[in-house]
C-alpha atoms as a PDB file:
ATOM      1  CA  UNK A   1     151.594 108.236  64.285  1.00  0.00           C
ATOM      2  CA  UNK A   2     151.255 110.353  67.265  1.00  0.00           C
ATOM      3  CA  UNK A   3     149.055 109.496  70.199  1.00  0.00           C
ATOM      4  CA  UNK A   4     146.541 111.841  71.650  1.00  0.00           C
ATOM      5  CA  UNK A   5     148.818 112.726  74.281  1.00  0.00           C
ATOM      6  CA  UNK A   6     151.627 113.584  71.535  1.00  0.00           C
ATOM      7  CA  UNK A   7     148.672 115.601  69.488  1.00  0.00           C
ATOM      8  CA  UNK A   8     147.885 117.371  72.741  1.00  0.00           C
ATOM      9  CA  UNK A   9     151.552 118.574  73.211  1.00  0.00           C
ATOM     10  CA  UNK A  10     152.010 119.530  70.164  1.00  0.00           C
ATOM     11  CA  UNK A  11     149.217 121.869  70.048  1.00  0.00           C
ATOM     12  CA  UNK A  12     149.865 123.156  73.582  1.00  0.00           C
ATOM     13  CA  UNK A  13     153.572 123.756  71.976  1.00  0.00           C
ATOM     14  CA  UNK A  14     152.720 125.382  68.918  1.00  0.00           C
ATOM     15  CA  UNK A  15     150.158 127.749  70.378  1.00  0.00           C
ATOM     16  CA  UNK A  16     152.778 128.689  72.923  1.00  0.00           C
ATOM     17  CA  UNK A  17     155.204 129.765  70.076  1.00  0.00           C
ATOM     18  CA  UNK A  18     152.455 131.769  68.115  1.00  0.00           C
ATOM     19  CA  UNK A  19     151.678 133.638  71.761  1.00  0.00           C
ATOM     20  CA  UNK A  20     155.824 134.180  71.741  1.00  0.00           C
ATOM     21  CA  UNK A  21     155.148 136.342  68.614  1.00  0.00           C
ATOM     22  CA  UNK A  22     153.228 138.834  70.842  1.00  0.00           C
ATOM     23  CA  UNK A  23     156.912 139.160  72.573  1.00  0.00           C
ATOM     24  CA  UNK A  24     158.730 139.674  69.495  1.00  0.00           C
ATOM     25  CA  UNK A  25     156.419 142.566  68.423  1.00  0.00           C
ATOM     26  CA  UNK A  26     156.949 144.274  71.860  1.00  0.00           C
ATOM     27  CA  UNK A  27     160.574 144.099  71.462  1.00  0.00           C
ATOM     28  CA  UNK A  28     159.930 146.853  69.312  1.00  0.00           C
ATOM     29  CA  UNK A  29     159.174 149.291  72.148  1.00  0.00           C
ATOM     30  CA  UNK A  30     162.742 149.355  72.965  1.00  0.00           C
ATOM     31  CA  UNK A  31     163.686 151.248  69.724  1.00  0.00           C
ATOM     32  CA  UNK A  32     161.194 154.267  70.219  1.00  0.00           C
ATOM     33  CA  UNK A  33     163.022 157.143  71.681  1.00  0.00           C
ATOM     34  CA  UNK A  34     160.598 159.464  72.508  1.00  0.00           C
ATOM     35  CA  UNK A  35     156.761 159.351  72.230  1.00  0.00           C
ATOM     36  CA  UNK A  36     155.639 162.373  70.805  1.00  0.00           C
ATOM     37  CA  UNK A  37     151.753 163.625  70.315  1.00  0.00           C
ATOM     38  CA  UNK A  38     152.374 162.762  66.579  1.00  0.00           C
ATOM     39  CA  UNK A  39     154.047 159.640  66.977  1.00  0.00           C
ATOM     40  CA  UNK A  40     151.706 158.463  69.963  1.00  0.00           C
ATOM     41  CA  UNK A  41     148.649 158.886  67.662  1.00  0.00           C
ATOM     42  CA  UNK A  42     150.093 157.571  64.546  1.00  0.00           C
ATOM     43  CA  UNK A  43     150.995 154.282  66.392  1.00  0.00           C
ATOM     44  CA  UNK A  44     147.820 153.859  68.362  1.00  0.00           C
ATOM     45  CA  UNK A  45     145.936 154.333  64.980  1.00  0.00           C
ATOM     46  CA  UNK A  46     148.311 151.640  63.089  1.00  0.00           C
ATOM     47  CA  UNK A  47     147.262 149.448  65.931  1.00  0.00           C
ATOM     48  CA  UNK A  48     143.668 150.290  65.466  1.00  0.00           C
ATOM     49  CA  UNK A  49     144.323 149.367  61.915  1.00  0.00           C
ATOM     50  CA  UNK A  50     145.908 146.063  63.058  1.00  0.00           C
ATOM     51  CA  UNK A  51     142.963 145.313  65.299  1.00  0.00           C
ATOM     52  CA  UNK A  52     140.152 146.420  62.734  1.00  0.00           C
ATOM     53  CA  UNK A  53     141.780 143.764  60.285  1.00  0.00           C
ATOM     54  CA  UNK A  54     141.970 141.052  62.704  1.00  0.00           C
ATOM     55  CA  UNK A  55     138.427 141.381  63.929  1.00  0.00           C
ATOM     56  CA  UNK A  56     137.437 140.713  60.051  1.00  0.00           C
ATOM     57  CA  UNK A  57     139.975 138.241  58.631  1.00  0.00           C
ATOM     58  CA  UNK A  58     140.968 136.223  61.840  1.00  0.00           C
ATOM     59  CA  UNK A  59     137.760 136.426  63.681  1.00  0.00           C
ATOM     60  CA  UNK A  60     134.745 136.997  62.089  1.00  0.00           C
ATOM     61  CA  UNK A  61     135.529 134.981  58.790  1.00  0.00           C
ATOM     62  CA  UNK A  62     136.734 131.994  59.982  1.00  0.00           C
ATOM     63  CA  UNK A  63     133.970 132.239  62.673  1.00  0.00           C
ATOM     64  CA  UNK A  64     131.538 131.786  60.435  1.00  0.00           C
ATOM     65  CA  UNK A  65     133.480 128.987  58.673  1.00  0.00           C
ATOM     66  CA  UNK A  66     133.360 127.166  61.633  1.00  0.00           C
ATOM     67  CA  UNK A  67     129.603 127.695  62.236  1.00  0.00           C
ATOM     68  CA  UNK A  68     129.190 126.606  58.506  1.00  0.00           C
ATOM     69  CA  UNK A  69     131.156 123.376  58.966  1.00  0.00           C
ATOM     70  CA  UNK A  70     129.048 122.291  62.296  1.00  0.00           C
ATOM     71  CA  UNK A  71     125.361 123.876  61.268  1.00  0.00           C
ATOM     72  CA  UNK A  72     125.560 123.343  57.554  1.00  0.00           C
ATOM     73  CA  UNK A  73     123.857 126.607  57.162  1.00  0.00           C
ATOM     74  CA  UNK A  74     125.343 129.786  56.641  1.00  0.00           C
ATOM     75  CA  UNK A  75     122.443 132.021  58.126  1.00  0.00           C
ATOM     76  CA  UNK A  76     122.791 130.131  61.355  1.00  0.00           C
ATOM     77  CA  UNK A  77     126.469 130.189  61.295  1.00  0.00           C
ATOM     78  CA  UNK A  78     126.539 134.226  60.821  1.00  0.00           C
ATOM     79  CA  UNK A  79     123.597 134.726  63.380  1.00  0.00           C
ATOM     80  CA  UNK A  80     125.681 132.706  65.792  1.00  0.00           C
ATOM     81  CA  UNK A  81     128.858 134.913  65.349  1.00  0.00           C
ATOM     82  CA  UNK A  82     126.703 138.149  65.548  1.00  0.00           C
ATOM     83  CA  UNK A  83     125.051 136.992  68.753  1.00  0.00           C
ATOM     84  CA  UNK A  84     129.009 136.618  70.156  1.00  0.00           C
ATOM     85  CA  UNK A  85     130.083 139.589  68.477  1.00  0.00           C
ATOM     86  CA  UNK A  86     127.164 141.597  70.596  1.00  0.00           C
ATOM     87  CA  UNK A  87     128.195 140.062  73.679  1.00  0.00           C
ATOM     88  CA  UNK A  88     131.699 140.731  73.432  1.00  0.00           C
ATOM     89  CA  UNK A  89     131.051 144.445  72.808  1.00  0.00           C
ATOM     90  CA  UNK A  90     128.366 144.556  75.589  1.00  0.00           C
ATOM     91  CA  UNK A  91     131.070 143.075  78.246  1.00  0.00           C
ATOM     92  CA  UNK A  92     133.516 145.629  77.090  1.00  0.00           C
ATOM     93  CA  UNK A  93     130.888 148.468  77.578  1.00  0.00           C
ATOM     94  CA  UNK A  94     129.908 147.493  80.874  1.00  0.00           C
ATOM     95  CA  UNK A  95     133.681 147.059  81.796  1.00  0.00           C
ATOM     96  CA  UNK A  96     134.286 150.655  80.538  1.00  0.00           C
ATOM     97  CA  UNK A  97     131.280 151.720  82.265  1.00  0.00           C
ATOM     98  CA  UNK A  98     132.325 150.263  85.958  1.00  0.00           C
ATOM     99  CA  UNK A  99     136.129 150.447  85.723  1.00  0.00           C
ATOM    100  CA  UNK A 100     136.982 152.452  89.013  1.00  0.00           C
ATOM    101  CA  UNK A 101     138.136 155.899  88.485  1.00  0.00           C
ATOM    102  CA  UNK A 102     140.184 156.246  91.652  1.00  0.00           C
ATOM    103  CA  UNK A 103     142.661 153.227  90.702  1.00  0.00           C
ATOM    104  CA  UNK A 104     144.361 155.519  88.086  1.00  0.00           C
ATOM    105  CA  UNK A 105     144.893 158.981  90.072  1.00  0.00           C
ATOM    106  CA  UNK A 106     148.303 159.647  89.153  1.00  0.00           C
ATOM    107  CA  UNK A 107     148.340 163.265  89.685  1.00  0.00           C
ATOM    108  CA  UNK A 108     148.918 166.384  87.627  1.00  0.00           C
ATOM    109  CA  UNK A 109     152.051 165.455  85.893  1.00  0.00           C
ATOM    110  CA  UNK A 110     150.916 162.502  84.209  1.00  0.00           C
ATOM    111  CA  UNK A 111     148.042 161.410  81.870  1.00  0.00           C
ATOM    112  CA  UNK A 112     144.731 161.891  82.706  1.00  0.00           C
ATOM    113  CA  UNK A 113     142.597 158.759  84.054  1.00  0.00           C
ATOM    114  CA  UNK A 114     140.075 158.251  81.062  1.00  0.00           C
ATOM    115  CA  UNK A 115     143.171 157.961  78.858  1.00  0.00           C
ATOM    116  CA  UNK A 116     144.130 155.302  80.724  1.00  0.00           C
ATOM    117  CA  UNK A 117     141.449 153.524  81.006  1.00  0.00           C
ATOM    118  CA  UNK A 118     141.274 153.823  77.223  1.00  0.00           C
ATOM    119  CA  UNK A 119     144.212 152.164  77.089  1.00  0.00           C
ATOM    120  CA  UNK A 120     143.610 149.233  79.476  1.00  0.00           C
ATOM    121  CA  UNK A 121     140.769 148.474  77.547  1.00  0.00           C
ATOM    122  CA  UNK A 122     142.340 148.488  74.337  1.00  0.00           C
ATOM    123  CA  UNK A 123     144.864 145.745  75.751  1.00  0.00           C
ATOM    124  CA  UNK A 124     142.046 143.545  77.573  1.00  0.00           C
ATOM    125  CA  UNK A 125     140.261 143.569  73.930  1.00  0.00           C
ATOM    126  CA  UNK A 126     143.324 142.446  72.459  1.00  0.00           C
ATOM    127  CA  UNK A 127     144.125 139.838  75.114  1.00  0.00           C
ATOM    128  CA  UNK A 128     140.589 138.491  74.545  1.00  0.00           C
ATOM    129  CA  UNK A 129     141.085 137.871  70.881  1.00  0.00           C
ATOM    130  CA  UNK A 130     144.148 135.370  72.012  1.00  0.00           C
ATOM    131  CA  UNK A 131     142.197 132.876  73.705  1.00  0.00           C
ATOM    132  CA  UNK A 132     140.408 131.760  70.655  1.00  0.00           C
ATOM    133  CA  UNK A 133     142.710 132.258  68.507  1.00  0.00           C
ATOM    134  CA  UNK A 134     144.922 129.789  70.653  1.00  0.00           C
ATOM    135  CA  UNK A 135     142.018 127.447  70.457  1.00  0.00           C
ATOM    136  CA  UNK A 136     141.937 127.629  66.787  1.00  0.00           C
ATOM    137  CA  UNK A 137     145.744 126.057  67.113  1.00  0.00           C
ATOM    138  CA  UNK A 138     144.796 123.635  69.543  1.00  0.00           C
ATOM    139  CA  UNK A 139     141.728 122.216  67.502  1.00  0.00           C
ATOM    140  CA  UNK A 140     143.648 121.825  64.320  1.00  0.00           C
ATOM    141  CA  UNK A 141     145.929 119.785  66.192  1.00  0.00           C
ATOM    142  CA  UNK A 142     143.513 117.881  68.328  1.00  0.00           C
ATOM    143  CA  UNK A 143     141.384 116.968  64.969  1.00  0.00           C
ATOM    144  CA  UNK A 144     144.270 115.348  63.974  1.00  0.00           C
ATOM    145  CA  UNK A 145     145.406 117.368  61.137  1.00  0.00           C
ATOM    146  CA  UNK A 146     149.211 118.193  62.310  1.00  0.00           C
ATOM    147  CA  UNK A 147     149.942 120.242  59.028  1.00  0.00           C
ATOM    148  CA  UNK A 148     146.641 122.432  59.479  1.00  0.00           C
ATOM    149  CA  UNK A 149     147.736 123.206  63.189  1.00  0.00           C
ATOM    150  CA  UNK A 150     151.356 124.092  61.862  1.00  0.00           C
ATOM    151  CA  UNK A 151     150.247 126.553  59.424  1.00  0.00           C
ATOM    152  CA  UNK A 152     147.598 127.917  61.612  1.00  0.00           C
ATOM    153  CA  UNK A 153     150.038 128.243  64.356  1.00  0.00           C
ATOM    154  CA  UNK A 154     152.919 130.059  62.191  1.00  0.00           C
ATOM    155  CA  UNK A 155     150.130 132.512  60.793  1.00  0.00           C
ATOM    156  CA  UNK A 156     148.899 133.459  63.900  1.00  0.00           C
ATOM    157  CA  UNK A 157     152.422 133.488  65.363  1.00  0.00           C
ATOM    158  CA  UNK A 158     153.507 136.141  62.749  1.00  0.00           C
ATOM    159  CA  UNK A 159     150.158 138.097  63.025  1.00  0.00           C
ATOM    160  CA  UNK A 160     151.028 138.480  66.670  1.00  0.00           C
ATOM    161  CA  UNK A 161     153.875 140.446  66.263  1.00  0.00           C
ATOM    162  CA  UNK A 162     152.300 143.988  65.397  1.00  0.00           C
ATOM    163  CA  UNK A 163     149.628 143.428  67.694  1.00  0.00           C
ATOM    164  CA  UNK A 164     152.691 142.834  70.413  1.00  0.00           C
ATOM    165  CA  UNK A 165     153.812 146.339  69.271  1.00  0.00           C
ATOM    166  CA  UNK A 166     150.739 147.601  69.676  1.00  0.00           C
ATOM    167  CA  UNK A 167     150.059 146.971  73.188  1.00  0.00           C
ATOM    168  CA  UNK A 168     153.604 147.675  74.262  1.00  0.00           C
ATOM    169  CA  UNK A 169     153.348 151.315  72.664  1.00  0.00           C
ATOM    170  CA  UNK A 170     150.229 151.799  74.110  1.00  0.00           C
ATOM    171  CA  UNK A 171     151.667 151.456  77.478  1.00  0.00           C
ATOM    172  CA  UNK A 172     154.445 153.542  76.845  1.00  0.00           C
ATOM    173  CA  UNK A 173     151.703 156.246  75.823  1.00  0.00           C
ATOM    174  CA  UNK A 174     150.623 156.262  79.586  1.00  0.00           C
ATOM    175  CA  UNK A 175     154.181 156.354  80.788  1.00  0.00           C
ATOM    176  CA  UNK A 176     155.196 152.917  81.734  1.00  0.00           C
ATOM    177  CA  UNK A 177     158.537 152.081  81.372  1.00  0.00           C
ATOM    178  CA  UNK A 178     159.889 150.046  78.336  1.00  0.00           C
ATOM    179  CA  UNK A 179     160.392 147.003  80.117  1.00  0.00           C
ATOM    180  CA  UNK A 180     156.831 146.992  81.961  1.00  0.00           C
ATOM    181  CA  UNK A 181     154.970 147.522  78.581  1.00  0.00           C
ATOM    182  CA  UNK A 182     157.460 144.715  76.948  1.00  0.00           C
ATOM    183  CA  UNK A 183     156.250 142.382  80.193  1.00  0.00           C
ATOM    184  CA  UNK A 184     153.097 143.206  80.095  1.00  0.00           C
ATOM    185  CA  UNK A 185     152.453 142.687  76.131  1.00  0.00           C
ATOM    186  CA  UNK A 186     154.169 139.477  76.448  1.00  0.00           C
ATOM    187  CA  UNK A 187     151.914 138.358  78.996  1.00  0.00           C
ATOM    188  CA  UNK A 188     148.728 139.300  76.642  1.00  0.00           C
ATOM    189  CA  UNK A 189     150.489 136.398  74.293  1.00  0.00           C
ATOM    190  CA  UNK A 190     150.466 133.868  76.882  1.00  0.00           C
ATOM    191  CA  UNK A 191     146.686 133.691  76.743  1.00  0.00           C
ATOM    192  CA  UNK A 192     147.272 131.500  73.550  1.00  0.00           C
ATOM    193  CA  UNK A 193     148.892 128.726  74.818  1.00  0.00           C
ATOM    194  CA  UNK A 194     146.071 128.544  77.159  1.00  0.00           C
ATOM    195  CA  UNK A 195     143.450 128.285  74.429  1.00  0.00           C
ATOM    196  CA  UNK A 196     145.757 126.008  72.906  1.00  0.00           C
ATOM    197  CA  UNK A 197     145.499 123.586  75.664  1.00  0.00           C
ATOM    198  CA  UNK A 198     142.088 123.708  75.889  1.00  0.00           C
ATOM    199  CA  UNK A 199     141.646 123.322  72.201  1.00  0.00           C
ATOM    200  CA  UNK A 200     143.496 120.628  71.503  1.00  0.00           C
ATOM    201  CA  UNK A 201     142.608 118.577  74.665  1.00  0.00           C
ATOM    202  CA  UNK A 202     138.709 119.224  74.335  1.00  0.00           C
ATOM    203  CA  UNK A 203     138.199 119.298  70.627  1.00  0.00           C
ATOM    204  CA  UNK A 204     134.637 117.913  71.575  1.00  0.00           C
ATOM    205  CA  UNK A 205     133.637 121.132  73.350  1.00  0.00           C
ATOM    206  CA  UNK A 206     136.274 123.697  71.995  1.00  0.00           C
ATOM    207  CA  UNK A 207     135.338 123.526  68.125  1.00  0.00           C
ATOM    208  CA  UNK A 208     131.464 124.100  69.042  1.00  0.00           C
ATOM    209  CA  UNK A 209     132.370 127.146  70.922  1.00  0.00           C
ATOM    210  CA  UNK A 210     134.623 128.662  68.294  1.00  0.00           C
ATOM    211  CA  UNK A 211     131.687 130.605  66.191  1.00  0.00           C
ATOM    212  CA  UNK A 212     130.927 131.848  69.483  1.00  0.00           C
ATOM    213  CA  UNK A 213     134.341 132.808  71.042  1.00  0.00           C
ATOM    214  CA  UNK A 214     135.492 134.491  67.705  1.00  0.00           C
ATOM    215  CA  UNK A 215     132.664 136.698  67.363  1.00  0.00           C
ATOM    216  CA  UNK A 216     132.771 137.442  70.886  1.00  0.00           C
ATOM    217  CA  UNK A 217     136.462 138.315  70.553  1.00  0.00           C
ATOM    218  CA  UNK A 218     135.765 140.653  67.505  1.00  0.00           C
ATOM    219  CA  UNK A 219     133.201 142.547  69.127  1.00  0.00           C
ATOM    220  CA  UNK A 220     135.259 143.629  72.208  1.00  0.00           C
ATOM    221  CA  UNK A 221     137.764 144.769  69.847  1.00  0.00           C
ATOM    222  CA  UNK A 222     135.361 146.641  67.322  1.00  0.00           C
ATOM    223  CA  UNK A 223     134.020 148.579  70.421  1.00  0.00           C
ATOM    224  CA  UNK A 224     137.021 149.647  71.711  1.00  0.00           C
ATOM    225  CA  UNK A 225     138.405 150.733  68.139  1.00  0.00           C
ATOM    226  CA  UNK A 226     134.915 152.759  67.392  1.00  0.00           C
ATOM    227  CA  UNK A 227     134.328 154.035  70.780  1.00  0.00           C
ATOM    228  CA  UNK A 228     138.034 155.147  72.088  1.00  0.00           C
ATOM    229  CA  UNK A 229     140.833 154.543  69.947  1.00  0.00           C
ATOM    230  CA  UNK A 230     139.324 156.459  66.794  1.00  0.00           C
ATOM    231  CA  UNK A 231     137.906 159.215  68.943  1.00  0.00           C
ATOM    232  CA  UNK A 232     141.091 159.676  70.926  1.00  0.00           C
ATOM    233  CA  UNK A 233     143.254 159.970  67.773  1.00  0.00           C
ATOM    234  CA  UNK A 234     141.387 162.393  66.163  1.00  0.00           C
ATOM    235  CA  UNK A 235     140.896 165.034  68.997  1.00  0.00           C
ATOM    236  CA  UNK A 236     144.273 166.640  68.380  1.00  0.00           C
ATOM    237  CA  UNK A 237     145.944 168.324  65.420  1.00  0.00           C
ATOM    238  CA  UNK A 238     147.280 165.107  63.722  1.00  0.00           C
ATOM    239  CA  UNK A 239     143.582 163.421  62.404  1.00  0.00           C
ATOM    240  CA  UNK A 240     144.817 163.084  59.080  1.00  0.00           C
ATOM    241  CA  UNK A 241     148.467 161.145  60.085  1.00  0.00           C
ATOM    242  CA  UNK A 242     145.782 158.753  62.370  1.00  0.00           C
ATOM    243  CA  UNK A 243     143.644 158.365  59.437  1.00  0.00           C
ATOM    244  CA  UNK A 244     146.232 157.014  57.201  1.00  0.00           C
ATOM    245  CA  UNK A 245     148.007 155.089  59.891  1.00  0.00           C
ATOM    246  CA  UNK A 246     145.077 153.265  60.635  1.00  0.00           C
ATOM    247  CA  UNK A 247     144.787 152.457  56.950  1.00  0.00           C
ATOM    248  CA  UNK A 248     148.281 151.253  57.194  1.00  0.00           C
ATOM    249  CA  UNK A 249     147.779 149.007  59.981  1.00  0.00           C
ATOM    250  CA  UNK A 250     144.573 147.878  58.479  1.00  0.00           C
ATOM    251  CA  UNK A 251     146.662 146.688  55.107  1.00  0.00           C
ATOM    252  CA  UNK A 252     149.233 145.365  56.555  1.00  0.00           C
ATOM    253  CA  UNK A 253     147.310 142.956  58.942  1.00  0.00           C
ATOM    254  CA  UNK A 254     145.121 142.113  55.604  1.00  0.00           C
ATOM    255  CA  UNK A 255     147.916 141.167  54.006  1.00  0.00           C
ATOM    256  CA  UNK A 256     149.278 138.914  56.899  1.00  0.00           C
ATOM    257  CA  UNK A 257     145.936 137.192  57.216  1.00  0.00           C
ATOM    258  CA  UNK A 258     145.409 136.818  53.021  1.00  0.00           C
ATOM    259  CA  UNK A 259     148.627 135.308  52.991  1.00  0.00           C
ATOM    260  CA  UNK A 260     149.138 133.314  56.040  1.00  0.00           C
ATOM    261  CA  UNK A 261     145.523 133.175  57.644  1.00  0.00           C
END
């Protein structure tokens, strides 16, 4: 039998390995030769599709399930997740409104500051959702169900691969180097072990917070997808490509969630 310390270490290690899936996906940025406007819109839309599916299948539905286990009532669980969702969307809106423009002036040769803000908000939203995913892995181990914790870690780790590529490509689109794009993408995934440590050591607190945090992360991502990414990728001449790329990203993530979640 594993002691409490062993369970905490397992949960922390598993969430770390799951988070490193982001880095595995981000390695794909080294294979991108040139980011043309067509490729840029297509890949950014695919990333939005991945995030859209993750919002529903990795965050909202599990959040409601956690809430049902805690409260015993579906309507209460759904209400908690909705409140968390609105809080997440509101926070990203406030960040969007207050993000200082003068920090992103790169001159006439570089991309415009508004686009840079959109990309960074997208990355913030992705990073935010990694913490509750790590919590979920930690809670799985901390609750004593090692098999459930391992399954969660594997599923989340595989889901993180397209997310890591999404972050890296987004940074490449605003003219960061491939190495910098990879490094930042990897760092976003390292929020998962922080959540994993919290979840495995403080199950009594982390588990009741799960419906709130999962809803919060989904709200942040949905705000960015609707307010920034979709309008951005539909401004040019590649609207149809952007639409089908989003659908492609959505179905890939939906398949991963349905088979591994």
